[in-house]
């Protein structure tokens, strides 16, 4: 069996699973393996994706109510294999199993686990490496995109799109490449999907040999991502949204956070009132601390201001504010949140809170450039943040979990996509109303 394919396990109710175990004789129980690639007695299904994950490759969220209890229950059930192997008394074993199942039922009944779904968008693809996903909701469903190829920066890297239909992701399709610009094929980078309130689905991306020399591109879809227009190059010195989704202002203007990396890393903002045909841009934002900021995302604050946050070279997330709908901006400052110089994304929820997805880590001393763990935090003011969820945590993972994208859909749920070990794009759905929040003090994630 392929190591990336989960074992097929019969579905049993909790009661049936206990009875199934109890029907095994002592010899059968002692014959069970200590560690199995299948579920012991149909109860625990080990993840084929590594440590710290449960069914479907899902990471049990730290500090998130039932998720914690579920993780402990499953760990206990797996430990029951030891009891089978060494022949502890049947009554003790049965009592423990019943208590474990009741605990799992109680955790599920409380409805505290905010993670509704965790899945890979694809299982097989015509490329070995992927990165920089983006997600949008259209009138007919979700659309995701990312770049894929042999490796980042290689000229065979293209833009791929997948659509969700009836709760399942369709196979990825290539929608853009770097052919036709010069005598040499160029790599594609950082797609950004955005669905305006009215108008076509927009897909921005970059083409070029490296970030210091890339240029902005735009293609559109009038049928929710099924077909795409001929890509067009954006005007000179206009890049479009550099990594994170734009926002749409009350007058219909699309405001994009963007940045340049040619010699000095600088953040600026671009706006279009006609779906990308014409543009205006701000000067670079004042950076008195020389934090080396790039890849800004944009949030709406309750007092009418805009806030932008993003990655830096200074081990922390930057913050800057605008009081005139993004026409001018203040001076860059730093939040008390760590950042390993890796991309983040955030969204303003309908209840007015801000939700942030990021790596709560720094780069130095890490096995994966600090791109693990991958965390969710929530704030009421955009400055003071509370710990909400740990999506992934594999400190020794070679490539980590990074470059998240996040949106809130019409039903109020939050959808997050991110790079999983540069091998897959993962999609997680959470209910923000069920997030259990804990304070982040002095930049430290709570234990």
Protein backbone atom coordinates (compact mmCIF):
# COMPACT_ATOMS: atom_id res chain seq x y z
CA UNK A 1 0.00 0.00 0.00
CA UNK A 2 1.23 3.48 -0.84
CA UNK A 3 2.51 5.17 2.31
CA UNK A 4 0.40 8.23 1.49
CA UNK A 5 -2.84 6.24 1.20
CA UNK A 6 -4.84 5.69 4.39
CA UNK A 7 -5.89 2.15 5.21
CA UNK A 8 -9.52 1.34 4.56
CA UNK A 9 -11.12 0.66 7.93
CA UNK A 10 -14.71 -0.53 8.49
CA UNK A 11 -17.01 2.05 10.04
CA UNK A 12 -18.44 1.09 13.43
CA UNK A 13 -20.41 2.96 16.04
CA UNK A 14 -18.61 3.46 19.37
CA UNK A 15 -20.66 0.70 20.97
CA UNK A 16 -20.03 -1.68 18.11
CA UNK A 17 -16.29 -1.00 18.36
CA UNK A 18 -16.24 -1.92 22.05
CA UNK A 19 -18.26 -5.08 21.37
CA UNK A 20 -15.93 -5.91 18.49
CA UNK A 21 -12.96 -5.78 20.87
CA UNK A 22 -14.76 -7.71 23.58
CA UNK A 23 -15.60 -10.52 21.18
CA UNK A 24 -11.91 -11.21 20.59
CA UNK A 25 -10.50 -14.06 22.61
CA UNK A 26 -7.37 -13.68 24.76
CA UNK A 27 -5.20 -15.33 22.11
CA UNK A 28 -6.46 -13.00 19.43
CA UNK A 29 -5.85 -10.00 21.63
CA UNK A 30 -2.33 -11.04 22.49
CA UNK A 31 -1.65 -11.65 18.79
CA UNK A 32 -2.42 -8.04 17.88
CA UNK A 33 0.71 -6.17 16.75
CA UNK A 34 2.21 -3.53 18.98
CA UNK A 35 2.02 -0.95 16.15
CA UNK A 36 -0.22 -1.52 13.17
CA UNK A 37 -0.92 0.24 9.89
CA UNK A 38 -4.56 -0.59 10.43
CA UNK A 39 -6.81 0.26 13.34
CA UNK A 40 -6.63 -1.84 16.45
CA UNK A 41 -10.10 -3.43 16.74
CA UNK A 42 -11.46 -0.82 14.31
CA UNK A 43 -11.16 1.99 16.86
CA UNK A 44 -7.97 3.91 16.21
CA UNK A 45 -6.88 4.69 12.68
CA UNK A 46 -3.19 5.69 12.64
CA UNK A 47 -2.41 8.54 10.30
CA UNK A 48 -0.25 7.77 7.27
CA UNK A 49 1.00 11.34 7.35
CA UNK A 50 3.19 11.25 10.44
CA UNK A 51 3.18 11.97 14.14
CA UNK A 52 0.62 14.13 15.86
CA UNK A 53 -2.16 13.63 13.33
CA UNK A 54 -5.38 11.72 13.34
CA UNK A 55 -7.90 10.54 10.81
CA UNK A 56 -7.48 12.03 7.36
CA UNK A 57 -4.08 13.49 8.18
CA UNK A 58 -5.67 15.93 10.58
CA UNK A 59 -3.61 17.53 13.32
CA UNK A 60 -5.39 17.48 16.63
CA UNK A 61 -5.58 21.16 17.58
CA UNK A 62 -3.79 22.21 20.74
CA UNK A 63 -5.90 24.12 23.27
CA UNK A 64 -9.12 23.64 21.33
CA UNK A 65 -11.59 21.84 23.56
CA UNK A 66 -12.66 18.48 22.24
CA UNK A 67 -9.67 18.26 19.94
CA UNK A 68 -7.40 17.82 22.95
CA UNK A 69 -9.65 15.21 24.52
CA UNK A 70 -9.93 13.33 21.21
CA UNK A 71 -6.16 13.19 20.84
CA UNK A 72 -5.77 11.78 24.35
CA UNK A 73 -8.57 9.27 23.82
CA UNK A 74 -7.01 8.00 20.60
CA UNK A 75 -3.59 7.81 22.24
CA UNK A 76 -5.12 5.78 25.05
CA UNK A 77 -6.86 3.42 22.66
CA UNK A 78 -3.64 2.89 20.77
CA UNK A 79 -1.95 2.14 24.10
CA UNK A 80 -4.60 -0.55 24.65
CA UNK A 81 -2.61 -2.65 22.17
CA UNK A 82 -0.03 -2.98 24.93
CA UNK A 83 -2.70 -4.30 27.26
CA UNK A 84 -3.80 -6.84 24.67
CA UNK A 85 -0.23 -7.93 24.11
CA UNK A 86 0.61 -8.44 27.76
CA UNK A 87 -2.72 -9.93 28.74
CA UNK A 88 -4.08 -7.62 31.42
CA UNK A 89 -7.34 -8.79 33.02
CA UNK A 90 -10.37 -8.63 30.73
CA UNK A 91 -12.53 -6.68 33.18
CA UNK A 92 -9.90 -3.96 33.54
CA UNK A 93 -9.41 -3.77 29.79
CA UNK A 94 -13.12 -3.66 29.03
CA UNK A 95 -13.72 -0.99 31.67
CA UNK A 96 -10.93 1.15 30.23
CA UNK A 97 -12.24 0.77 26.69
CA UNK A 98 -15.77 1.71 27.71
CA UNK A 99 -14.51 4.78 29.57
CA UNK A 100 -12.44 5.82 26.59
CA UNK A 101 -15.38 5.55 24.21
CA UNK A 102 -17.63 7.47 26.60
CA UNK A 103 -14.98 10.19 26.83
CA UNK A 104 -14.82 10.41 23.05
CA UNK A 105 -18.62 10.64 22.84
CA UNK A 106 -18.68 13.37 25.50
CA UNK A 107 -16.00 15.39 23.68
CA UNK A 108 -17.91 15.12 20.42
CA UNK A 109 -21.19 16.07 22.08
CA UNK A 110 -19.78 19.31 23.49
CA UNK A 111 -19.15 20.52 19.95
CA UNK A 112 -16.00 22.33 21.06
CA UNK A 113 -13.73 21.07 18.33
CA UNK A 114 -13.57 23.90 15.79
CA UNK A 115 -12.03 21.81 13.00
CA UNK A 116 -14.78 20.62 10.70
CA UNK A 117 -12.69 19.23 7.86
CA UNK A 118 -9.01 18.66 7.10
CA UNK A 119 -8.03 17.27 3.72
CA UNK A 120 -5.55 17.37 0.88
CA UNK A 121 -6.87 19.11 -2.22
CA UNK A 122 -5.28 16.47 -4.45
CA UNK A 123 -3.60 13.11 -4.00
CA UNK A 124 -1.75 12.86 -7.32
CA UNK A 125 -0.56 15.60 -9.66
CA UNK A 126 1.76 16.06 -12.66
CA UNK A 127 4.30 17.93 -10.49
CA UNK A 128 6.35 16.81 -7.46
CA UNK A 129 6.50 20.14 -5.63
CA UNK A 130 3.93 22.83 -4.84
CA UNK A 131 3.66 26.06 -2.88
CA UNK A 132 1.84 29.35 -2.27
CA UNK A 133 -1.83 28.37 -2.36
CA UNK A 134 -4.79 30.72 -2.53
CA UNK A 135 -8.53 30.19 -2.13
CA UNK A 136 -11.73 32.02 -3.07
CA UNK A 137 -15.46 31.42 -2.88
CA UNK A 138 -17.51 31.86 -6.05
CA UNK A 139 -21.27 31.66 -6.45
CA UNK A 140 -20.95 27.96 -7.26
CA UNK A 141 -18.30 26.91 -4.74
CA UNK A 142 -14.66 27.03 -3.70
CA UNK A 143 -11.70 27.50 -6.03
CA UNK A 144 -8.06 27.05 -5.03
CA UNK A 145 -4.80 27.71 -6.88
CA UNK A 146 -1.06 27.29 -6.29
CA UNK A 147 2.18 26.98 -8.24
CA UNK A 148 3.62 23.57 -9.01
CA UNK A 149 6.63 22.09 -10.80
CA UNK A 150 9.91 20.32 -10.12
CA UNK A 151 10.94 23.00 -7.62
CA UNK A 152 10.39 26.69 -6.88
CA UNK A 153 12.24 28.97 -9.36
CA UNK A 154 12.53 26.24 -12.00
CA UNK A 155 11.15 27.29 -15.41
CA UNK A 156 8.66 24.41 -15.50
CA UNK A 157 6.72 25.87 -12.54
CA UNK A 158 3.14 26.67 -13.63
CA UNK A 159 -0.10 27.85 -12.02
CA UNK A 160 -2.67 25.17 -11.22
CA UNK A 161 -6.33 25.53 -10.22
CA UNK A 162 -8.77 23.10 -8.59
CA UNK A 163 -12.50 23.56 -8.03
CA UNK A 164 -14.63 21.98 -5.33
CA UNK A 165 -17.84 20.34 -6.53
CA UNK A 166 -20.36 18.68 -4.21
CA UNK A 167 -17.85 18.65 -1.39
CA UNK A 168 -15.03 17.07 -3.43
CA UNK A 169 -12.05 18.66 -5.14
CA UNK A 170 -11.72 18.16 -8.89
CA UNK A 171 -8.28 17.25 -10.31
CA UNK A 172 -5.94 20.24 -10.68
CA UNK A 173 -5.66 21.85 -14.11
CA UNK A 174 -2.89 24.03 -15.45
CA UNK A 175 -4.11 27.54 -16.26
CA UNK A 176 -0.89 29.54 -16.77
CA UNK A 177 2.79 29.05 -17.53
CA UNK A 178 5.86 31.15 -18.24
CA UNK A 179 6.07 30.43 -21.95
CA UNK A 180 6.19 33.18 -24.57
CA UNK A 181 7.83 36.10 -22.75
CA UNK A 182 11.50 35.72 -23.72
CA UNK A 183 13.62 33.18 -25.51
CA UNK A 184 13.76 31.27 -22.21
CA UNK A 185 10.77 29.88 -20.37
CA UNK A 186 10.20 31.61 -17.00
CA UNK A 187 8.83 30.23 -13.71
CA UNK A 188 5.44 31.30 -12.34
CA UNK A 189 4.95 32.45 -8.75
CA UNK A 190 2.41 33.30 -6.02
CA UNK A 191 -1.09 33.03 -7.50
CA UNK A 192 -3.79 35.11 -5.78
CA UNK A 193 -7.49 34.42 -6.33
CA UNK A 194 -10.11 37.08 -5.64
CA UNK A 195 -13.85 37.09 -6.25
CA UNK A 196 -15.27 40.65 -6.28
CA UNK A 197 -18.86 41.27 -5.22
CA UNK A 198 -19.70 41.63 -8.91
CA UNK A 199 -17.60 40.67 -11.88
CA UNK A 200 -15.33 37.80 -12.91
CA UNK A 201 -13.13 35.68 -10.70
CA UNK A 202 -9.65 37.22 -10.77
CA UNK A 203 -6.39 35.26 -10.72
CA UNK A 204 -3.24 37.30 -10.26
CA UNK A 205 0.21 35.72 -10.46
CA UNK A 206 3.84 36.58 -11.18
CA UNK A 207 6.25 35.49 -13.92
CA UNK A 208 10.00 35.97 -13.93
CA UNK A 209 13.34 34.44 -12.98
CA UNK A 210 13.27 35.70 -9.37
CA UNK A 211 11.25 38.03 -7.09
CA UNK A 212 13.56 40.95 -7.83
CA UNK A 213 12.77 40.67 -11.54
CA UNK A 214 9.24 39.25 -11.81
CA UNK A 215 6.20 41.01 -13.25
CA UNK A 216 2.48 40.87 -12.59
CA UNK A 217 -0.02 38.88 -14.64
CA UNK A 218 -3.83 38.60 -14.58
CA UNK A 219 -6.31 36.10 -15.97
CA UNK A 220 -10.06 36.03 -15.29
CA UNK A 221 -12.87 33.49 -15.26
CA UNK A 222 -16.53 34.20 -16.01
CA UNK A 223 -17.66 30.68 -15.05
CA UNK A 224 -16.29 30.27 -11.52
CA UNK A 225 -12.94 28.85 -12.53
CA UNK A 226 -13.93 26.35 -15.20
CA UNK A 227 -12.34 28.32 -18.04
CA UNK A 228 -9.91 31.24 -18.08
CA UNK A 229 -9.15 34.21 -20.28
CA UNK A 230 -5.89 34.80 -22.11
CA UNK A 231 -3.50 36.12 -19.43
CA UNK A 232 -2.45 39.76 -19.70
CA UNK A 233 0.57 41.49 -18.29
CA UNK A 234 -0.13 44.21 -15.74
CA UNK A 235 1.14 47.73 -16.42
CA UNK A 236 4.77 48.57 -15.78
CA UNK A 237 5.59 48.86 -12.05
CA UNK A 238 2.26 47.24 -11.10
CA UNK A 239 2.57 43.78 -9.55
CA UNK A 240 -0.96 43.17 -8.22
CA UNK A 241 -1.43 41.41 -4.86
CA UNK A 242 1.93 39.86 -4.13
CA UNK A 243 0.77 36.88 -2.03
CA UNK A 244 -2.39 37.55 -0.02
CA UNK A 245 -5.86 38.31 -1.29
CA UNK A 246 -6.96 41.91 -1.92
CA UNK A 247 -9.96 43.51 -0.22
CA UNK A 248 -12.88 45.30 -1.81
CA UNK A 249 -13.85 48.67 -0.40
CA UNK A 250 -17.39 50.03 -0.10
CA UNK A 251 -17.14 51.89 -3.42
CA UNK A 252 -16.03 48.74 -5.27
CA UNK A 253 -12.32 49.59 -5.36
CA UNK A 254 -10.04 46.55 -5.09
CA UNK A 255 -7.11 47.32 -2.79
CA UNK A 256 -4.05 45.08 -3.04
CA UNK A 257 -1.15 44.69 -0.65
CA UNK A 258 2.09 44.23 -2.53
CA UNK A 259 5.86 44.53 -2.14
CA UNK A 260 9.17 44.65 -3.97
CA UNK A 261 12.42 42.81 -3.29
CA UNK A 262 14.89 44.47 -5.66
CA UNK A 263 17.76 45.36 -3.37
CA UNK A 264 15.58 46.56 -0.48
CA UNK A 265 12.35 44.93 0.63
CA UNK A 266 9.52 47.46 0.68
CA UNK A 267 5.74 47.33 1.07
CA UNK A 268 3.29 49.42 -0.96
CA UNK A 269 -0.36 49.24 -2.02
CA UNK A 270 -2.10 49.22 -5.40
CA UNK A 271 -5.75 49.86 -6.29
CA UNK A 272 -8.00 49.30 -9.27
CA UNK A 273 -11.61 50.37 -9.86
CA UNK A 274 -12.16 48.38 -13.07
CA UNK A 275 -11.09 44.80 -12.27
CA UNK A 276 -7.46 45.28 -13.15
CA UNK A 277 -7.57 47.32 -16.34
CA UNK A 278 -6.20 50.53 -14.78
CA UNK A 279 -4.21 51.04 -11.59
CA UNK A 280 -2.77 53.52 -9.12
CA UNK A 281 -0.09 52.80 -6.52
CA UNK A 282 1.12 54.33 -3.27
CA UNK A 283 4.78 55.11 -2.58
CA UNK A 284 6.64 52.57 -0.42
CA UNK A 285 5.45 52.63 3.20
CA UNK A 286 7.78 54.36 5.63
CA UNK A 287 9.98 51.75 7.32
CA UNK A 288 11.95 53.56 10.05
CA UNK A 289 12.94 50.29 11.75
CA UNK A 290 14.22 48.77 8.48
CA UNK A 291 12.31 45.56 9.14
CA UNK A 292 12.47 44.32 5.55
CA UNK A 293 8.71 43.91 5.20
CA UNK A 294 6.99 42.10 2.33
CA UNK A 295 3.69 40.33 1.50
CA UNK A 296 1.11 42.46 3.32
CA UNK A 297 -2.47 41.39 4.00
CA UNK A 298 -5.25 43.89 4.75
CA UNK A 299 -7.81 43.96 7.58
CA UNK A 300 -10.83 46.16 8.39
CA UNK A 301 -10.91 47.66 11.90
CA UNK A 302 -14.13 48.60 13.74
CA UNK A 303 -13.16 52.29 13.82
CA UNK A 304 -13.02 52.48 10.03
CA UNK A 305 -9.25 52.26 9.66
CA UNK A 306 -7.42 49.65 7.63
CA UNK A 307 -4.65 47.56 9.12
CA UNK A 308 -1.96 45.70 7.22
CA UNK A 309 0.29 42.98 8.65
CA UNK A 310 2.91 40.74 7.05
CA UNK A 311 6.30 39.06 7.15
CA UNK A 312 9.65 40.66 7.97
CA UNK A 313 13.35 39.90 8.33
CA UNK A 314 13.26 40.88 12.03
CA UNK A 315 11.64 37.76 13.56
CA UNK A 316 8.29 39.53 14.07
CA UNK A 317 5.15 40.40 12.12
CA UNK A 318 4.90 44.00 10.95
CA UNK A 319 1.85 46.23 11.38
CA UNK A 320 0.82 49.52 9.75
CA UNK A 321 -2.46 51.49 9.62
CA UNK A 322 -4.37 53.68 7.15
CA UNK A 323 -7.11 56.16 7.97
CA UNK A 324 -8.10 56.99 4.37
CA UNK A 325 -8.97 53.62 2.81
CA UNK A 326 -5.42 52.77 1.88
CA UNK A 327 -4.43 55.94 0.02
CA UNK A 328 -1.79 56.78 2.64
CA UNK A 329 -0.25 54.73 5.42
CA UNK A 330 1.57 55.37 8.68
CA UNK A 331 4.95 54.01 9.72
CA UNK A 332 5.69 50.32 9.93
CA UNK A 333 5.91 48.88 13.43
CA UNK A 334 6.25 45.37 14.85
CA UNK A 335 3.67 43.24 16.62
CA UNK A 336 4.60 41.06 19.58
CA UNK A 337 4.17 37.96 17.42
CA UNK A 338 7.11 35.95 16.04
CA UNK A 339 7.67 35.47 12.33
CA UNK A 340 10.35 33.30 10.67
CA UNK A 341 10.34 35.50 7.56
CA UNK A 342 7.56 33.38 6.10
CA UNK A 343 4.21 34.34 4.59
CA UNK A 344 1.10 34.88 6.68
CA UNK A 345 -2.54 35.62 5.91
CA UNK A 346 -5.43 37.08 7.89
CA UNK A 347 -9.11 37.91 7.45
CA UNK A 348 -11.62 40.18 9.15
CA UNK A 349 -14.47 38.00 10.39
CA UNK A 350 -18.09 39.09 10.19
CA UNK A 351 -18.19 39.52 13.95
CA UNK A 352 -15.45 42.15 13.67
CA UNK A 353 -12.60 40.03 15.02
CA UNK A 354 -9.37 39.44 13.11
CA UNK A 355 -8.20 35.89 12.41
CA UNK A 356 -4.53 35.27 11.59
CA UNK A 357 -2.78 32.16 10.24
CA UNK A 358 1.00 32.15 10.65
CA UNK A 359 4.07 30.26 11.86
CA UNK A 360 4.52 31.09 15.55
CA UNK A 361 8.28 30.64 15.38
CA UNK A 362 11.52 32.26 14.29
CA UNK A 363 13.90 31.03 11.63
CA UNK A 364 17.14 30.57 13.58
CA UNK A 365 17.69 27.19 15.20
CA UNK A 366 14.94 25.53 13.15
CA UNK A 367 15.03 22.46 10.93
CA UNK A 368 12.55 23.95 8.45
CA UNK A 369 13.25 27.71 8.41
CA UNK A 370 10.81 28.09 11.28
CA UNK A 371 7.86 26.94 9.17
CA UNK A 372 6.42 24.77 11.92
CA UNK A 373 4.20 25.01 13.87
CA UNK A 374 1.40 26.56 11.83
CA UNK A 375 -0.93 28.49 14.12
CA UNK A 376 -4.23 30.37 14.23
CA UNK A 377 -4.64 33.44 16.43
CA UNK A 378 -7.58 35.82 16.94
CA UNK A 379 -7.70 39.49 17.92
CA UNK A 380 -10.43 42.03 18.63
CA UNK A 381 -8.22 45.04 17.85
CA UNK A 382 -5.57 43.72 15.45
CA UNK A 383 -2.78 44.38 17.97
CA UNK A 384 -3.36 42.05 20.93
CA UNK A 385 -3.69 38.44 19.85
CA UNK A 386 -4.95 35.24 21.49
CA UNK A 387 -3.93 31.69 20.71
CA UNK A 388 -6.70 29.72 19.01
CA UNK A 389 -5.39 26.62 17.25
CA UNK A 390 -2.32 24.69 16.14
CA UNK A 391 -2.90 23.33 12.66
CA UNK A 392 0.44 21.53 12.29
CA UNK A 393 3.44 20.91 14.50
CA UNK A 394 6.37 18.84 13.23
CA UNK A 395 9.59 20.54 14.38
CA UNK A 396 11.76 18.05 12.49
CA UNK A 397 9.76 18.19 9.27
CA UNK A 398 12.19 19.17 6.51
CA UNK A 399 9.96 21.59 4.62
CA UNK A 400 7.34 22.60 7.16
CA UNK A 401 3.84 24.01 6.73
CA UNK A 402 3.67 27.48 5.32
CA UNK A 403 2.20 30.22 3.13
CA UNK A 404 -1.38 30.03 4.38
CA UNK A 405 -4.37 31.60 2.69
CA UNK A 406 -7.61 32.21 4.61
CA UNK A 407 -11.15 33.36 3.80
CA UNK A 408 -14.54 33.33 5.52
CA UNK A 409 -17.32 31.93 3.35
CA UNK A 410 -20.99 32.92 3.22
CA UNK A 411 -21.93 30.26 5.77
CA UNK A 412 -19.61 31.83 8.36
CA UNK A 413 -16.98 29.06 8.25
CA UNK A 414 -13.28 29.79 7.81
CA UNK A 415 -11.33 28.03 5.06
CA UNK A 416 -7.55 27.78 5.22
CA UNK A 417 -5.19 26.38 2.61
CA UNK A 418 -1.45 25.99 3.03
CA UNK A 419 1.66 24.26 1.76
CA UNK A 420 2.13 20.84 3.36
CA UNK A 421 5.82 19.83 3.22
CA UNK A 422 6.02 21.22 -0.36
CA UNK A 423 4.28 17.99 -1.43
CA UNK A 424 0.57 18.79 -1.09
CA UNK A 425 -1.85 21.64 -0.61
CA UNK A 426 -3.96 21.15 2.50
CA UNK A 427 -7.46 22.54 3.09
CA UNK A 428 -8.83 22.98 6.62
CA UNK A 429 -12.31 24.22 7.54
CA UNK A 430 -12.94 25.64 11.01
CA UNK A 431 -15.88 27.14 12.85
CA UNK A 432 -14.60 30.39 14.36
CA UNK A 433 -17.40 30.42 16.94
CA UNK A 434 -15.91 27.28 18.51
CA UNK A 435 -12.35 28.52 18.91
CA UNK A 436 -11.15 28.39 22.52
CA UNK A 437 -8.90 31.43 22.99
CA UNK A 438 -5.97 31.81 25.38
CA UNK A 439 -3.72 34.84 25.82
CA UNK A 440 -0.35 35.10 24.10
CA UNK A 441 1.90 36.76 26.67
CA UNK A 442 5.24 38.27 25.67
CA UNK A 443 5.01 36.55 22.32
CA UNK A 444 4.89 33.06 23.88
CA UNK A 445 2.34 30.54 22.65
CA UNK A 446 0.55 29.11 25.74
CA UNK A 447 1.35 25.56 26.79
